[in-house]
Amino acid sequence: MRFSISGDFDWESNIDKVLDVFSDNNYRSYFQERDYGTGLIGITIVFMCQDPALNLKRRIRLSKKEKKLYVDMMLDLPQMKSADLVKKKMIMSELLLKEIPEIVSKYKIDDFDLQRFIEDFQQKFRITLPVP
């Protein structure tokens, strides 16, 4: 499965550093090595962290033709600007762990091993949370 995480963010949020942590954790190759069936072959997540005055709306789209899911994850810019790297990582990891399984589960996707994907997803992103 092709799995990617990127961002559309105000530079002051510094969430690029968390995106680097995710990349350093090799999530792309982790999912690329797994086969969940032909019903869903890609997921693209975009962390949105912009000025609230822009009034941006969250987008979630399943392209049946491409067999890909596109998801915006909305972050609060003032909160992210004031958080340290550990807190940013915790916020973003927890958001992923909570919302992605919920979103993917809402769709009926033929030939897709949802349960295995969720287990792998939770295992991969749970390890990016800081140790208490």
N, C-alpha and C. Protein backbone atom coordinates (compact mmCIF):
# COMPACT_ATOMS: atom_id res chain seq x y z
N MET A 1 0.84 -1.18 0.00
CA MET A 1 0.00 0.00 0.00
C MET A 1 0.88 1.24 0.00
N ARG A 2 0.49 2.21 -0.80
CA ARG A 2 1.18 3.50 -0.78
C ARG A 2 0.56 4.35 0.31
N PHE A 3 1.40 4.86 1.19
CA PHE A 3 0.93 5.64 2.32
C PHE A 3 1.83 6.85 2.45
N SER A 4 1.23 8.03 2.46
CA SER A 4 2.06 9.23 2.58
C SER A 4 1.41 10.25 3.51
N ILE A 5 2.28 10.99 4.18
CA ILE A 5 1.86 12.05 5.08
C ILE A 5 2.63 13.31 4.70
N SER A 6 1.89 14.38 4.50
CA SER A 6 2.53 15.66 4.19
C SER A 6 1.81 16.75 4.98
N GLY A 7 2.13 17.99 4.67
CA GLY A 7 1.52 19.08 5.40
C GLY A 7 1.35 20.32 4.57
N ASP A 8 0.36 21.09 4.93
CA ASP A 8 0.12 22.43 4.41
C ASP A 8 0.01 23.28 5.66
N PHE A 9 1.12 23.97 6.00
CA PHE A 9 1.19 24.57 7.32
C PHE A 9 1.94 25.90 7.31
N ASP A 10 1.58 26.72 8.27
CA ASP A 10 2.27 27.96 8.53
C ASP A 10 3.66 27.60 9.08
N TRP A 11 4.69 28.26 8.63
CA TRP A 11 6.05 27.91 9.04
C TRP A 11 6.24 28.02 10.54
N GLU A 12 5.49 28.91 11.20
CA GLU A 12 5.64 29.08 12.65
C GLU A 12 5.17 27.87 13.45
N SER A 13 4.38 27.02 12.83
CA SER A 13 3.89 25.83 13.54
C SER A 13 5.01 24.81 13.77
N ASN A 14 6.01 24.83 12.90
CA ASN A 14 7.13 23.88 12.97
C ASN A 14 6.71 22.42 12.97
N ILE A 15 5.59 22.12 12.34
CA ILE A 15 5.18 20.71 12.30
C ILE A 15 6.02 19.91 11.31
N ASP A 16 6.81 20.59 10.50
CA ASP A 16 7.70 19.88 9.59
C ASP A 16 8.67 18.98 10.36
N LYS A 17 9.02 19.39 11.57
CA LYS A 17 9.92 18.58 12.39
C LYS A 17 9.25 17.26 12.81
N VAL A 18 7.95 17.30 13.07
CA VAL A 18 7.21 16.08 13.40
C VAL A 18 7.06 15.22 12.15
N LEU A 19 6.80 15.84 11.02
CA LEU A 19 6.71 15.08 9.77
C LEU A 19 8.03 14.37 9.50
N ASP A 20 9.15 15.02 9.84
CA ASP A 20 10.46 14.38 9.70
C ASP A 20 10.59 13.18 10.63
N VAL A 21 10.07 13.30 11.86
CA VAL A 21 10.10 12.18 12.80
C VAL A 21 9.31 11.00 12.23
N PHE A 22 8.13 11.28 11.68
CA PHE A 22 7.33 10.21 11.07
C PHE A 22 8.11 9.56 9.94
N SER A 23 8.74 10.37 9.10
CA SER A 23 9.52 9.82 7.97
C SER A 23 10.70 9.00 8.47
N ASP A 24 11.37 9.49 9.51
CA ASP A 24 12.50 8.75 10.09
C ASP A 24 12.06 7.40 10.64
N ASN A 25 10.78 7.28 10.95
CA ASN A 25 10.23 6.03 11.46
C ASN A 25 9.86 5.06 10.32
N ASN A 26 10.16 5.46 9.09
CA ASN A 26 10.00 4.62 7.90
C ASN A 26 8.58 4.10 7.70
N TYR A 27 7.58 4.93 7.94
CA TYR A 27 6.21 4.48 7.75
C TYR A 27 5.92 4.14 6.28
N ARG A 28 6.56 4.86 5.35
CA ARG A 28 6.30 4.59 3.92
C ARG A 28 6.68 3.16 3.55
N SER A 29 7.89 2.76 3.89
CA SER A 29 8.32 1.41 3.52
C SER A 29 7.56 0.36 4.33
N TYR A 30 7.20 0.69 5.56
CA TYR A 30 6.42 -0.23 6.40
C TYR A 30 5.12 -0.60 5.70
N PHE A 31 4.38 0.39 5.19
CA PHE A 31 3.11 0.10 4.52
C PHE A 31 3.30 -0.42 3.11
N GLN A 32 4.36 0.01 2.45
CA GLN A 32 4.60 -0.46 1.09
C GLN A 32 4.84 -1.97 1.06
N GLU A 33 5.38 -2.51 2.13
CA GLU A 33 5.65 -3.94 2.21
C GLU A 33 4.40 -4.76 2.54
N ARG A 34 3.29 -4.10 2.83
CA ARG A 34 2.07 -4.80 3.23
C ARG A 34 1.02 -4.76 2.13
N ASP A 35 0.27 -5.86 2.06
CA ASP A 35 -0.80 -5.98 1.07
C ASP A 35 -2.11 -6.15 1.82
N TYR A 36 -3.01 -5.21 1.62
CA TYR A 36 -4.32 -5.27 2.27
C TYR A 36 -5.43 -5.58 1.27
N GLY A 37 -5.05 -5.96 0.07
CA GLY A 37 -6.02 -6.23 -0.98
C GLY A 37 -5.97 -5.13 -2.02
N THR A 38 -6.80 -5.30 -3.05
CA THR A 38 -6.78 -4.36 -4.17
C THR A 38 -7.83 -3.26 -4.06
N GLY A 39 -8.66 -3.32 -3.02
CA GLY A 39 -9.74 -2.33 -2.89
C GLY A 39 -9.28 -0.94 -2.53
N LEU A 40 -8.18 -0.84 -1.77
CA LEU A 40 -7.61 0.45 -1.38
C LEU A 40 -6.10 0.30 -1.48
N ILE A 41 -5.51 1.03 -2.41
CA ILE A 41 -4.06 0.86 -2.64
C ILE A 41 -3.24 2.06 -2.18
N GLY A 42 -3.92 3.11 -1.68
CA GLY A 42 -3.16 4.27 -1.23
C GLY A 42 -3.96 5.16 -0.29
N ILE A 43 -3.23 5.75 0.66
CA ILE A 43 -3.81 6.73 1.57
C ILE A 43 -2.85 7.91 1.63
N THR A 44 -3.40 9.10 1.45
CA THR A 44 -2.62 10.33 1.56
C THR A 44 -3.23 11.19 2.65
N ILE A 45 -2.39 11.55 3.62
CA ILE A 45 -2.82 12.38 4.73
C ILE A 45 -2.09 13.71 4.64
N VAL A 46 -2.83 14.81 4.78
CA VAL A 46 -2.25 16.14 4.77
C VAL A 46 -2.60 16.82 6.08
N PHE A 47 -1.58 17.13 6.87
CA PHE A 47 -1.79 17.89 8.10
C PHE A 47 -1.93 19.36 7.72
N MET A 48 -3.09 19.93 8.06
CA MET A 48 -3.38 21.33 7.77
C MET A 48 -3.21 22.12 9.06
N CYS A 49 -2.33 23.13 9.03
CA CYS A 49 -2.10 23.95 10.21
C CYS A 49 -1.88 25.39 9.74
N GLN A 50 -2.98 26.06 9.47
CA GLN A 50 -2.95 27.41 8.93
C GLN A 50 -3.69 28.37 9.84
N ASP A 51 -3.59 29.65 9.53
CA ASP A 51 -4.27 30.70 10.27
C ASP A 51 -5.78 30.40 10.29
N PRO A 52 -6.38 30.37 11.49
CA PRO A 52 -7.82 30.09 11.58
C PRO A 52 -8.68 31.08 10.78
N ALA A 53 -8.17 32.29 10.55
CA ALA A 53 -8.92 33.29 9.79
C ALA A 53 -9.15 32.85 8.34
N LEU A 54 -8.34 31.90 7.87
CA LEU A 54 -8.53 31.39 6.50
C LEU A 54 -9.79 30.53 6.39
N ASN A 55 -10.28 30.08 7.53
CA ASN A 55 -11.52 29.31 7.57
C ASN A 55 -11.49 28.10 6.64
N LEU A 56 -10.39 27.37 6.66
CA LEU A 56 -10.24 26.21 5.79
C LEU A 56 -11.14 25.06 6.27
N LYS A 57 -11.68 24.34 5.33
CA LYS A 57 -12.55 23.21 5.62
C LYS A 57 -11.80 21.90 5.38
N ARG A 58 -12.10 20.94 6.20
CA ARG A 58 -11.48 19.62 6.09
C ARG A 58 -12.02 18.89 4.86
N ARG A 59 -11.10 18.23 4.15
CA ARG A 59 -11.49 17.43 2.99
C ARG A 59 -11.19 15.96 3.28
N ILE A 60 -12.15 15.13 2.97
CA ILE A 60 -11.96 13.68 3.01
C ILE A 60 -12.58 13.16 1.73
N ARG A 61 -11.79 12.42 0.96
CA ARG A 61 -12.30 11.95 -0.33
C ARG A 61 -11.76 10.56 -0.63
N LEU A 62 -12.67 9.66 -0.96
CA LEU A 62 -12.29 8.34 -1.42
C LEU A 62 -12.47 8.32 -2.93
N SER A 63 -11.39 8.12 -3.65
CA SER A 63 -11.46 8.00 -5.10
C SER A 63 -11.53 6.51 -5.45
N LYS A 64 -12.72 6.08 -5.83
CA LYS A 64 -12.89 4.66 -6.17
C LYS A 64 -12.12 4.31 -7.44
N LYS A 65 -12.02 5.27 -8.34
CA LYS A 65 -11.29 5.04 -9.59
C LYS A 65 -9.80 4.80 -9.31
N GLU A 66 -9.21 5.66 -8.47
CA GLU A 66 -7.79 5.52 -8.13
C GLU A 66 -7.55 4.50 -7.01
N LYS A 67 -8.63 4.19 -6.28
CA LYS A 67 -8.55 3.31 -5.11
C LYS A 67 -7.64 3.92 -4.04
N LYS A 68 -7.85 5.24 -3.84
CA LYS A 68 -7.05 5.99 -2.87
C LYS A 68 -7.96 6.84 -1.99
N LEU A 69 -7.51 7.01 -0.76
CA LEU A 69 -8.21 7.84 0.21
C LEU A 69 -7.35 9.06 0.51
N TYR A 70 -7.97 10.23 0.48
CA TYR A 70 -7.30 11.50 0.76
C TYR A 70 -7.95 12.11 2.00
N VAL A 71 -7.13 12.45 3.00
CA VAL A 71 -7.66 12.96 4.27
C VAL A 71 -6.86 14.17 4.74
N ASP A 72 -7.57 15.24 5.08
CA ASP A 72 -6.94 16.38 5.75
C ASP A 72 -7.09 16.18 7.25
N MET A 73 -6.01 16.43 7.97
CA MET A 73 -6.02 16.38 9.43
C MET A 73 -5.81 17.81 9.90
N MET A 74 -6.81 18.38 10.56
CA MET A 74 -6.78 19.78 10.94
C MET A 74 -6.10 19.97 12.30
N LEU A 75 -5.13 20.88 12.33
CA LEU A 75 -4.41 21.21 13.56
C LEU A 75 -4.67 22.68 13.91
N ASP A 76 -4.63 22.98 15.19
CA ASP A 76 -4.84 24.34 15.68
C ASP A 76 -3.50 25.09 15.66
N LEU A 77 -3.39 26.10 14.82
CA LEU A 77 -2.13 26.83 14.67
C LEU A 77 -1.64 27.46 15.98
N PRO A 78 -2.46 28.20 16.73
CA PRO A 78 -1.94 28.77 17.99
C PRO A 78 -1.42 27.68 18.94
N GLN A 79 -2.12 26.56 19.03
CA GLN A 79 -1.69 25.48 19.90
C GLN A 79 -0.34 24.91 19.43
N MET A 80 -0.20 24.71 18.14
CA MET A 80 1.03 24.12 17.61
C MET A 80 2.21 25.09 17.72
N LYS A 81 1.96 26.38 17.58
CA LYS A 81 3.03 27.37 17.72
C LYS A 81 3.60 27.37 19.14
N SER A 82 2.75 27.15 20.12
CA SER A 82 3.21 27.22 21.51
C SER A 82 3.71 25.87 22.06
N ALA A 83 3.47 24.79 21.35
CA ALA A 83 3.86 23.46 21.84
C ALA A 83 5.32 23.16 21.51
N ASP A 84 5.96 22.39 22.39
CA ASP A 84 7.31 21.92 22.08
C ASP A 84 7.20 20.70 21.17
N LEU A 85 8.34 20.22 20.70
CA LEU A 85 8.36 19.11 19.73
C LEU A 85 7.68 17.87 20.27
N VAL A 86 7.91 17.53 21.53
CA VAL A 86 7.30 16.33 22.12
C VAL A 86 5.79 16.45 22.13
N LYS A 87 5.29 17.63 22.50
CA LYS A 87 3.84 17.85 22.55
C LYS A 87 3.24 17.82 21.14
N LYS A 88 3.92 18.43 20.17
CA LYS A 88 3.45 18.40 18.78
C LYS A 88 3.34 16.96 18.29
N LYS A 89 4.38 16.18 18.56
CA LYS A 89 4.40 14.78 18.14
C LYS A 89 3.25 14.01 18.78
N MET A 90 3.00 14.26 20.05
CA MET A 90 1.92 13.59 20.75
C MET A 90 0.56 13.98 20.14
N ILE A 91 0.35 15.26 19.89
CA ILE A 91 -0.91 15.73 19.31
C ILE A 91 -1.15 15.08 17.95
N MET A 92 -0.13 15.10 17.11
CA MET A 92 -0.29 14.59 15.76
C MET A 92 -0.44 13.07 15.74
N SER A 93 0.31 12.37 16.56
CA SER A 93 0.19 10.90 16.63
C SER A 93 -1.18 10.49 17.14
N GLU A 94 -1.63 11.16 18.21
CA GLU A 94 -2.94 10.83 18.77
C GLU A 94 -4.06 11.12 17.77
N LEU A 95 -3.93 12.19 17.02
CA LEU A 95 -4.93 12.52 15.99
C LEU A 95 -4.97 11.43 14.93
N LEU A 96 -3.81 11.01 14.47
CA LEU A 96 -3.75 9.92 13.49
C LEU A 96 -4.39 8.64 14.04
N LEU A 97 -3.98 8.26 15.25
CA LEU A 97 -4.47 7.01 15.84
C LEU A 97 -5.97 7.02 16.08
N LYS A 98 -6.53 8.18 16.36
CA LYS A 98 -7.96 8.28 16.60
C LYS A 98 -8.75 8.35 15.30
N GLU A 99 -8.33 9.21 14.39
CA GLU A 99 -9.18 9.54 13.25
C GLU A 99 -9.03 8.63 12.03
N ILE A 100 -7.83 8.20 11.72
CA ILE A 100 -7.66 7.40 10.50
C ILE A 100 -8.43 6.09 10.57
N PRO A 101 -8.33 5.30 11.64
CA PRO A 101 -9.15 4.09 11.68
C PRO A 101 -10.66 4.38 11.58
N GLU A 102 -11.12 5.45 12.22
CA GLU A 102 -12.55 5.82 12.15
C GLU A 102 -12.96 6.16 10.72
N ILE A 103 -12.13 6.94 10.04
CA ILE A 103 -12.45 7.38 8.68
C ILE A 103 -12.45 6.19 7.72
N VAL A 104 -11.41 5.37 7.76
CA VAL A 104 -11.32 4.23 6.85
C VAL A 104 -12.47 3.26 7.10
N SER A 105 -12.86 3.10 8.36
CA SER A 105 -13.94 2.17 8.72
C SER A 105 -15.30 2.61 8.20
N LYS A 106 -15.48 3.88 7.91
CA LYS A 106 -16.76 4.38 7.42
C LYS A 106 -17.08 3.92 6.00
N TYR A 107 -16.07 3.53 5.26
CA TYR A 107 -16.26 3.16 3.87
C TYR A 107 -16.34 1.64 3.72
N LYS A 108 -17.25 1.21 2.86
CA LYS A 108 -17.31 -0.20 2.50
C LYS A 108 -16.40 -0.37 1.30
N ILE A 109 -15.27 -1.01 1.51
CA ILE A 109 -14.28 -1.17 0.45
C ILE A 109 -14.10 -2.67 0.22
N ASP A 110 -14.51 -3.13 -0.96
CA ASP A 110 -14.35 -4.54 -1.31
C ASP A 110 -12.87 -4.87 -1.44
N ASP A 111 -12.53 -6.08 -1.13
CA ASP A 111 -11.16 -6.59 -1.21
C ASP A 111 -10.17 -5.68 -0.49
N PHE A 112 -10.48 -5.40 0.77
CA PHE A 112 -9.60 -4.60 1.61
C PHE A 112 -9.66 -5.18 3.02
N ASP A 113 -8.50 -5.56 3.55
CA ASP A 113 -8.42 -6.14 4.89
C ASP A 113 -8.33 -5.01 5.91
N LEU A 114 -9.50 -4.48 6.26
CA LEU A 114 -9.60 -3.33 7.16
C LEU A 114 -9.00 -3.64 8.53
N GLN A 115 -9.33 -4.78 9.08
CA GLN A 115 -8.87 -5.11 10.42
C GLN A 115 -7.34 -5.17 10.49
N ARG A 116 -6.73 -5.81 9.51
CA ARG A 116 -5.27 -5.91 9.49
C ARG A 116 -4.62 -4.55 9.29
N PHE A 117 -5.23 -3.72 8.42
CA PHE A 117 -4.70 -2.37 8.22
C PHE A 117 -4.73 -1.58 9.53
N ILE A 118 -5.86 -1.61 10.22
CA ILE A 118 -6.00 -0.86 11.47
C ILE A 118 -4.98 -1.35 12.51
N GLU A 119 -4.82 -2.65 12.62
CA GLU A 119 -3.83 -3.18 13.57
C GLU A 119 -2.42 -2.72 13.23
N ASP A 120 -2.05 -2.81 11.95
CA ASP A 120 -0.72 -2.35 11.52
C ASP A 120 -0.56 -0.85 11.73
N PHE A 121 -1.59 -0.11 11.40
CA PHE A 121 -1.55 1.35 11.53
C PHE A 121 -1.34 1.75 12.99
N GLN A 122 -2.12 1.14 13.87
CA GLN A 122 -2.00 1.48 15.29
C GLN A 122 -0.63 1.08 15.84
N GLN A 123 -0.14 -0.05 15.40
CA GLN A 123 1.19 -0.48 15.86
C GLN A 123 2.26 0.50 15.39
N LYS A 124 2.20 0.92 14.16
CA LYS A 124 3.24 1.79 13.60
C LYS A 124 3.21 3.19 14.23
N PHE A 125 2.03 3.75 14.41
CA PHE A 125 1.98 5.12 14.92
C PHE A 125 1.93 5.20 16.43
N ARG A 126 1.63 4.13 17.10
CA ARG A 126 1.68 4.13 18.56
C ARG A 126 3.13 4.27 19.01
N ILE A 127 4.07 3.71 18.26
CA ILE A 127 5.47 3.78 18.67
C ILE A 127 6.07 5.18 18.47
N THR A 128 5.36 6.05 17.77
CA THR A 128 5.88 7.42 17.62
C THR A 128 5.49 8.31 18.78
N LEU A 129 4.62 7.80 19.66
CA LEU A 129 4.25 8.58 20.84
C LEU A 129 5.41 8.58 21.83
N PRO A 130 5.61 9.67 22.54
CA PRO A 130 6.70 9.72 23.51
C PRO A 130 6.42 8.76 24.66
N VAL A 131 7.45 8.21 25.23
CA VAL A 131 7.33 7.30 26.36
C VAL A 131 7.05 8.13 27.61
N PRO A 132 5.98 7.77 28.38
CA PRO A 132 5.65 8.57 29.58
C PRO A 132 6.68 8.43 30.66
